[in-house]
Amino acid sequence: MNQTNKTWNIIYFVATILLSASFLFGGYSELVGQEAARGVLIHLGYPLYLLYILGVAKILGVIGIWQKFSPALREWAYAGIAFDLLGATVSHIFVGDGPMIYAPALISLVVMLVSYIALKKRVGASMGQVV
């Protein structure tokens, strides 16, 4: 493995671990109905039952990006994470929240994009191999 491939592997693992930690923590707090998670949904005008849907989806998304059995499932997991982060950003903008409120979602979106790009740059990704 050459230095470029090692670099992409490191970038991939760092970005994916950061993204996973964020989504696992968020998914857990939504599943247990933590007050902060409930407050965000109430503030945005969404029904509270959405907490459980988002919580399960986030945890499944993390599983999806780490599994190696189905490249298509991994692609769908990344898409779902992107939709979640874009939806969070737009929801905060629509209710009038400032950039400091929706910045974490945008930063997570950048981290997700870095993870996805690094995945594609890793050895074998361009040949359709499961990496």
N, C-alpha and C. Protein backbone atom coordinates (compact mmCIF):
# COMPACT_ATOMS: atom_id res chain seq x y z
N MET A 1 0.86 -1.18 0.00
CA MET A 1 0.00 0.00 0.00
C MET A 1 0.90 1.24 0.00
N ASN A 2 0.65 2.13 -0.93
CA ASN A 2 1.49 3.33 -1.00
C ASN A 2 1.02 4.40 0.00
N GLN A 3 1.80 5.46 0.10
CA GLN A 3 1.51 6.50 1.09
C GLN A 3 0.16 7.17 0.86
N THR A 4 -0.21 7.38 -0.40
CA THR A 4 -1.50 8.01 -0.71
C THR A 4 -2.65 7.16 -0.20
N ASN A 5 -2.55 5.85 -0.42
CA ASN A 5 -3.61 4.95 0.05
C ASN A 5 -3.68 4.93 1.57
N LYS A 6 -2.53 4.96 2.23
CA LYS A 6 -2.51 5.01 3.70
C LYS A 6 -3.17 6.29 4.20
N THR A 7 -2.86 7.39 3.52
CA THR A 7 -3.45 8.67 3.91
C THR A 7 -4.96 8.63 3.77
N TRP A 8 -5.47 8.11 2.65
CA TRP A 8 -6.92 8.02 2.47
C TRP A 8 -7.56 7.09 3.49
N ASN A 9 -6.87 6.02 3.85
CA ASN A 9 -7.39 5.12 4.88
C ASN A 9 -7.51 5.83 6.21
N ILE A 10 -6.49 6.59 6.58
CA ILE A 10 -6.53 7.32 7.85
C ILE A 10 -7.65 8.35 7.82
N ILE A 11 -7.75 9.11 6.74
CA ILE A 11 -8.82 10.11 6.62
C ILE A 11 -10.17 9.44 6.72
N TYR A 12 -10.34 8.31 6.03
CA TYR A 12 -11.61 7.59 6.06
C TYR A 12 -11.96 7.17 7.48
N PHE A 13 -11.03 6.54 8.17
CA PHE A 13 -11.35 6.02 9.50
C PHE A 13 -11.59 7.15 10.51
N VAL A 14 -10.82 8.21 10.45
CA VAL A 14 -11.04 9.33 11.38
C VAL A 14 -12.40 9.97 11.13
N ALA A 15 -12.70 10.29 9.88
CA ALA A 15 -13.98 10.94 9.57
C ALA A 15 -15.16 10.02 9.89
N THR A 16 -15.04 8.75 9.56
CA THR A 16 -16.14 7.82 9.78
C THR A 16 -16.36 7.55 11.27
N ILE A 17 -15.30 7.51 12.04
CA ILE A 17 -15.45 7.34 13.49
C ILE A 17 -16.12 8.57 14.10
N LEU A 18 -15.70 9.76 13.68
CA LEU A 18 -16.34 10.99 14.19
C LEU A 18 -17.82 11.03 13.83
N LEU A 19 -18.13 10.72 12.58
CA LEU A 19 -19.51 10.71 12.12
C LEU A 19 -20.32 9.66 12.89
N SER A 20 -19.75 8.49 13.06
CA SER A 20 -20.45 7.41 13.76
C SER A 20 -20.72 7.77 15.21
N ALA A 21 -19.73 8.34 15.87
CA ALA A 21 -19.92 8.74 17.27
C ALA A 21 -21.05 9.75 17.40
N SER A 22 -21.06 10.72 16.50
CA SER A 22 -22.11 11.73 16.51
C SER A 22 -23.50 11.12 16.31
N PHE A 23 -23.60 10.22 15.35
CA PHE A 23 -24.90 9.63 15.05
C PHE A 23 -25.33 8.61 16.10
N LEU A 24 -24.38 7.88 16.68
CA LEU A 24 -24.75 6.94 17.74
C LEU A 24 -25.22 7.69 18.98
N PHE A 25 -24.51 8.76 19.33
CA PHE A 25 -24.93 9.57 20.48
C PHE A 25 -26.30 10.19 20.23
N GLY A 26 -26.48 10.78 19.03
CA GLY A 26 -27.77 11.39 18.70
C GLY A 26 -28.89 10.37 18.65
N GLY A 27 -28.62 9.23 18.05
CA GLY A 27 -29.63 8.17 17.97
C GLY A 27 -30.02 7.67 19.34
N TYR A 28 -29.04 7.49 20.22
CA TYR A 28 -29.32 7.04 21.58
C TYR A 28 -30.17 8.07 22.32
N SER A 29 -29.77 9.37 22.23
CA SER A 29 -30.53 10.39 22.97
C SER A 29 -31.96 10.52 22.46
N GLU A 30 -32.15 10.24 21.17
CA GLU A 30 -33.53 10.28 20.64
C GLU A 30 -34.32 9.05 21.09
N LEU A 31 -33.68 7.90 21.08
CA LEU A 31 -34.39 6.68 21.48
C LEU A 31 -34.81 6.69 22.94
N VAL A 32 -33.98 7.27 23.81
CA VAL A 32 -34.33 7.32 25.23
C VAL A 32 -35.14 8.58 25.57
N GLY A 33 -35.37 9.42 24.58
CA GLY A 33 -36.20 10.61 24.78
C GLY A 33 -35.59 11.64 25.70
N GLN A 34 -34.28 11.84 25.60
CA GLN A 34 -33.63 12.86 26.44
C GLN A 34 -34.29 14.21 26.22
N GLU A 35 -34.32 14.98 27.27
CA GLU A 35 -35.01 16.27 27.24
C GLU A 35 -34.48 17.19 26.15
N ALA A 36 -33.18 17.19 25.92
CA ALA A 36 -32.60 18.06 24.89
C ALA A 36 -33.13 17.66 23.51
N ALA A 37 -33.20 16.37 23.24
CA ALA A 37 -33.70 15.91 21.94
C ALA A 37 -35.18 16.24 21.80
N ARG A 38 -35.94 16.07 22.87
CA ARG A 38 -37.37 16.41 22.84
C ARG A 38 -37.55 17.91 22.60
N GLY A 39 -36.72 18.71 23.25
CA GLY A 39 -36.81 20.16 23.10
C GLY A 39 -36.54 20.62 21.67
N VAL A 40 -35.59 19.99 21.01
CA VAL A 40 -35.28 20.36 19.63
C VAL A 40 -36.47 20.07 18.73
N LEU A 41 -37.06 18.89 18.88
CA LEU A 41 -38.20 18.54 18.03
C LEU A 41 -39.40 19.46 18.28
N ILE A 42 -39.64 19.77 19.54
CA ILE A 42 -40.74 20.69 19.87
C ILE A 42 -40.46 22.06 19.26
N HIS A 43 -39.23 22.54 19.42
CA HIS A 43 -38.83 23.84 18.86
C HIS A 43 -39.04 23.88 17.34
N LEU A 44 -38.72 22.78 16.67
CA LEU A 44 -38.84 22.74 15.21
C LEU A 44 -40.27 22.46 14.75
N GLY A 45 -41.15 22.10 15.68
CA GLY A 45 -42.55 21.86 15.33
C GLY A 45 -42.85 20.46 14.84
N TYR A 46 -41.97 19.51 15.14
CA TYR A 46 -42.19 18.12 14.72
C TYR A 46 -42.84 17.32 15.84
N PRO A 47 -43.57 16.27 15.50
CA PRO A 47 -44.19 15.44 16.55
C PRO A 47 -43.11 14.63 17.28
N LEU A 48 -43.35 14.37 18.56
CA LEU A 48 -42.35 13.69 19.38
C LEU A 48 -42.10 12.24 18.96
N TYR A 49 -43.08 11.61 18.32
CA TYR A 49 -42.84 10.23 17.90
C TYR A 49 -41.73 10.14 16.86
N LEU A 50 -41.41 11.26 16.23
CA LEU A 50 -40.31 11.28 15.26
C LEU A 50 -38.96 10.98 15.93
N LEU A 51 -38.88 11.22 17.25
CA LEU A 51 -37.65 10.89 17.99
C LEU A 51 -37.25 9.44 17.77
N TYR A 52 -38.21 8.54 17.89
CA TYR A 52 -37.91 7.11 17.80
C TYR A 52 -37.55 6.71 16.37
N ILE A 53 -38.23 7.30 15.41
CA ILE A 53 -37.91 7.01 14.01
C ILE A 53 -36.50 7.47 13.68
N LEU A 54 -36.16 8.70 14.08
CA LEU A 54 -34.83 9.23 13.82
C LEU A 54 -33.76 8.46 14.58
N GLY A 55 -34.06 8.10 15.82
CA GLY A 55 -33.10 7.35 16.62
C GLY A 55 -32.73 6.03 15.99
N VAL A 56 -33.75 5.28 15.58
CA VAL A 56 -33.50 3.99 14.92
C VAL A 56 -32.78 4.20 13.60
N ALA A 57 -33.20 5.19 12.83
CA ALA A 57 -32.58 5.44 11.52
C ALA A 57 -31.11 5.81 11.66
N LYS A 58 -30.77 6.59 12.67
CA LYS A 58 -29.37 6.99 12.86
C LYS A 58 -28.50 5.79 13.21
N ILE A 59 -28.98 4.95 14.09
CA ILE A 59 -28.21 3.77 14.48
C ILE A 59 -28.07 2.81 13.30
N LEU A 60 -29.15 2.62 12.56
CA LEU A 60 -29.06 1.77 11.36
C LEU A 60 -28.14 2.38 10.30
N GLY A 61 -28.13 3.70 10.20
CA GLY A 61 -27.23 4.37 9.26
C GLY A 61 -25.77 4.11 9.59
N VAL A 62 -25.44 4.13 10.88
CA VAL A 62 -24.06 3.85 11.29
C VAL A 62 -23.70 2.40 10.95
N ILE A 63 -24.61 1.49 11.23
CA ILE A 63 -24.37 0.09 10.88
C ILE A 63 -24.18 -0.03 9.36
N GLY A 64 -24.99 0.68 8.62
CA GLY A 64 -24.93 0.63 7.15
C GLY A 64 -23.62 1.12 6.57
N ILE A 65 -23.03 2.16 7.16
CA ILE A 65 -21.78 2.66 6.58
C ILE A 65 -20.59 1.80 6.97
N TRP A 66 -20.70 1.02 8.04
CA TRP A 66 -19.59 0.17 8.46
C TRP A 66 -19.65 -1.24 7.89
N GLN A 67 -20.84 -1.70 7.50
CA GLN A 67 -20.95 -3.08 7.00
C GLN A 67 -20.21 -3.21 5.67
N LYS A 68 -19.75 -4.43 5.39
CA LYS A 68 -18.95 -4.66 4.18
C LYS A 68 -19.63 -5.62 3.22
N PHE A 69 -20.86 -5.98 3.48
CA PHE A 69 -21.52 -6.99 2.67
C PHE A 69 -22.22 -6.43 1.44
N SER A 70 -22.66 -5.19 1.52
CA SER A 70 -23.43 -4.62 0.43
C SER A 70 -23.02 -3.18 0.16
N PRO A 71 -22.31 -2.96 -0.95
CA PRO A 71 -21.96 -1.58 -1.30
C PRO A 71 -23.20 -0.71 -1.51
N ALA A 72 -24.27 -1.30 -2.04
CA ALA A 72 -25.50 -0.53 -2.25
C ALA A 72 -26.09 -0.07 -0.92
N LEU A 73 -26.09 -0.94 0.07
CA LEU A 73 -26.60 -0.57 1.39
C LEU A 73 -25.76 0.55 1.99
N ARG A 74 -24.46 0.49 1.79
CA ARG A 74 -23.58 1.54 2.29
C ARG A 74 -23.92 2.87 1.61
N GLU A 75 -24.15 2.85 0.30
CA GLU A 75 -24.53 4.07 -0.43
C GLU A 75 -25.83 4.65 0.13
N TRP A 76 -26.81 3.78 0.36
CA TRP A 76 -28.09 4.24 0.91
C TRP A 76 -27.92 4.79 2.32
N ALA A 77 -27.04 4.20 3.10
CA ALA A 77 -26.80 4.70 4.45
C ALA A 77 -26.20 6.11 4.40
N TYR A 78 -25.22 6.30 3.52
CA TYR A 78 -24.66 7.65 3.37
C TYR A 78 -25.72 8.63 2.89
N ALA A 79 -26.57 8.20 1.98
CA ALA A 79 -27.64 9.09 1.49
C ALA A 79 -28.59 9.46 2.63
N GLY A 80 -28.96 8.48 3.43
CA GLY A 80 -29.86 8.75 4.56
C GLY A 80 -29.26 9.73 5.55
N ILE A 81 -27.97 9.56 5.83
CA ILE A 81 -27.29 10.48 6.74
C ILE A 81 -27.27 11.89 6.15
N ALA A 82 -27.01 11.98 4.85
CA ALA A 82 -27.01 13.30 4.19
C ALA A 82 -28.39 13.94 4.27
N PHE A 83 -29.45 13.16 4.03
CA PHE A 83 -30.81 13.70 4.12
C PHE A 83 -31.12 14.17 5.53
N ASP A 84 -30.71 13.40 6.53
CA ASP A 84 -30.93 13.79 7.92
C ASP A 84 -30.25 15.13 8.22
N LEU A 85 -29.00 15.25 7.83
CA LEU A 85 -28.24 16.47 8.14
C LEU A 85 -28.74 17.68 7.36
N LEU A 86 -29.10 17.48 6.10
CA LEU A 86 -29.68 18.58 5.32
C LEU A 86 -31.04 18.98 5.88
N GLY A 87 -31.83 17.98 6.24
CA GLY A 87 -33.15 18.26 6.82
C GLY A 87 -33.04 19.02 8.13
N ALA A 88 -32.07 18.65 8.96
CA ALA A 88 -31.88 19.36 10.23
C ALA A 88 -31.47 20.80 9.98
N THR A 89 -30.55 20.99 9.04
CA THR A 89 -30.10 22.35 8.73
C THR A 89 -31.24 23.22 8.23
N VAL A 90 -31.96 22.72 7.26
CA VAL A 90 -33.06 23.49 6.67
C VAL A 90 -34.17 23.74 7.69
N SER A 91 -34.47 22.75 8.52
CA SER A 91 -35.50 22.94 9.55
C SER A 91 -35.13 24.08 10.49
N HIS A 92 -33.87 24.12 10.91
CA HIS A 92 -33.44 25.21 11.81
C HIS A 92 -33.50 26.56 11.09
N ILE A 93 -33.13 26.59 9.83
CA ILE A 93 -33.19 27.85 9.08
C ILE A 93 -34.64 28.31 8.95
N PHE A 94 -35.55 27.38 8.65
CA PHE A 94 -36.96 27.74 8.46
C PHE A 94 -37.62 28.29 9.72
N VAL A 95 -37.17 27.86 10.91
CA VAL A 95 -37.77 28.40 12.13
C VAL A 95 -37.04 29.65 12.62
N GLY A 96 -36.04 30.09 11.84
CA GLY A 96 -35.35 31.34 12.17
C GLY A 96 -34.13 31.20 13.05
N ASP A 97 -33.65 29.99 13.24
CA ASP A 97 -32.44 29.81 14.04
C ASP A 97 -31.23 30.35 13.28
N GLY A 98 -30.27 30.84 14.02
CA GLY A 98 -29.06 31.39 13.42
C GLY A 98 -28.03 30.32 13.11
N PRO A 99 -26.95 30.73 12.46
CA PRO A 99 -25.90 29.79 12.05
C PRO A 99 -25.27 29.00 13.21
N MET A 100 -25.21 29.58 14.39
CA MET A 100 -24.61 28.86 15.51
C MET A 100 -25.46 27.65 15.91
N ILE A 101 -26.74 27.68 15.59
CA ILE A 101 -27.63 26.56 15.93
C ILE A 101 -27.52 25.45 14.88
N TYR A 102 -27.47 25.82 13.60
CA TYR A 102 -27.43 24.77 12.57
C TYR A 102 -26.01 24.44 12.12
N ALA A 103 -25.00 25.12 12.64
CA ALA A 103 -23.61 24.82 12.27
C ALA A 103 -23.21 23.38 12.58
N PRO A 104 -23.61 22.80 13.71
CA PRO A 104 -23.21 21.40 13.96
C PRO A 104 -23.69 20.44 12.87
N ALA A 105 -24.89 20.65 12.36
CA ALA A 105 -25.39 19.79 11.29
C ALA A 105 -24.57 19.99 10.02
N LEU A 106 -24.22 21.23 9.72
CA LEU A 106 -23.40 21.49 8.53
C LEU A 106 -21.99 20.92 8.67
N ILE A 107 -21.43 21.03 9.86
CA ILE A 107 -20.10 20.46 10.10
C ILE A 107 -20.16 18.94 9.96
N SER A 108 -21.20 18.34 10.51
CA SER A 108 -21.37 16.88 10.37
C SER A 108 -21.54 16.49 8.91
N LEU A 109 -22.21 17.33 8.14
CA LEU A 109 -22.37 17.05 6.71
C LEU A 109 -21.01 17.07 6.01
N VAL A 110 -20.16 18.01 6.37
CA VAL A 110 -18.80 18.06 5.80
C VAL A 110 -18.02 16.81 6.20
N VAL A 111 -18.12 16.41 7.45
CA VAL A 111 -17.43 15.21 7.92
C VAL A 111 -17.94 13.99 7.16
N MET A 112 -19.27 13.93 6.93
CA MET A 112 -19.84 12.82 6.17
C MET A 112 -19.31 12.80 4.75
N LEU A 113 -19.21 13.97 4.13
CA LEU A 113 -18.68 14.05 2.77
C LEU A 113 -17.21 13.63 2.71
N VAL A 114 -16.44 14.02 3.70
CA VAL A 114 -15.04 13.60 3.76
C VAL A 114 -14.96 12.08 3.90
N SER A 115 -15.78 11.51 4.76
CA SER A 115 -15.82 10.06 4.93
C SER A 115 -16.18 9.37 3.62
N TYR A 116 -17.18 9.87 2.95
CA TYR A 116 -17.64 9.27 1.70
C TYR A 116 -16.59 9.38 0.60
N ILE A 117 -15.98 10.55 0.45
CA ILE A 117 -14.95 10.75 -0.57
C ILE A 117 -13.74 9.87 -0.27
N ALA A 118 -13.35 9.81 1.00
CA ALA A 118 -12.21 8.98 1.37
C ALA A 118 -12.51 7.50 1.12
N LEU A 119 -13.74 7.09 1.36
CA LEU A 119 -14.14 5.71 1.06
C LEU A 119 -13.90 5.41 -0.41
N LYS A 120 -14.30 6.32 -1.26
CA LYS A 120 -14.15 6.13 -2.71
C LYS A 120 -12.70 6.17 -3.16
N LYS A 121 -11.86 6.88 -2.43
CA LYS A 121 -10.45 7.01 -2.79
C LYS A 121 -9.61 5.83 -2.30
N ARG A 122 -10.15 5.07 -1.35
CA ARG A 122 -9.39 3.94 -0.82
C ARG A 122 -9.15 2.89 -1.92
N VAL A 123 -8.16 2.09 -1.69
CA VAL A 123 -7.79 1.07 -2.66
C VAL A 123 -8.98 0.16 -2.97
N GLY A 124 -9.25 -0.03 -4.26
CA GLY A 124 -10.29 -0.96 -4.67
C GLY A 124 -11.66 -0.35 -4.83
N ALA A 125 -11.91 0.83 -4.24
CA ALA A 125 -13.25 1.40 -4.31
C ALA A 125 -13.65 1.72 -5.74
N SER A 126 -12.68 2.14 -6.54
CA SER A 126 -13.00 2.50 -7.92
C SER A 126 -13.26 1.26 -8.79
N MET A 127 -12.88 0.07 -8.29
CA MET A 127 -13.09 -1.15 -9.04
C MET A 127 -14.34 -1.88 -8.60
N GLY A 128 -15.12 -1.26 -7.74
CA GLY A 128 -16.37 -1.86 -7.29
C GLY A 128 -16.20 -2.91 -6.20
N GLN A 129 -15.00 -3.00 -5.65
CA GLN A 129 -14.76 -3.98 -4.58
C GLN A 129 -15.33 -3.46 -3.27
N VAL A 130 -15.70 -4.38 -2.43
CA VAL A 130 -16.15 -4.00 -1.09
C VAL A 130 -14.92 -3.69 -0.27
N VAL A 131 -14.86 -2.45 0.26
CA VAL A 131 -13.69 -2.05 1.05
C VAL A 131 -14.09 -1.71 2.46
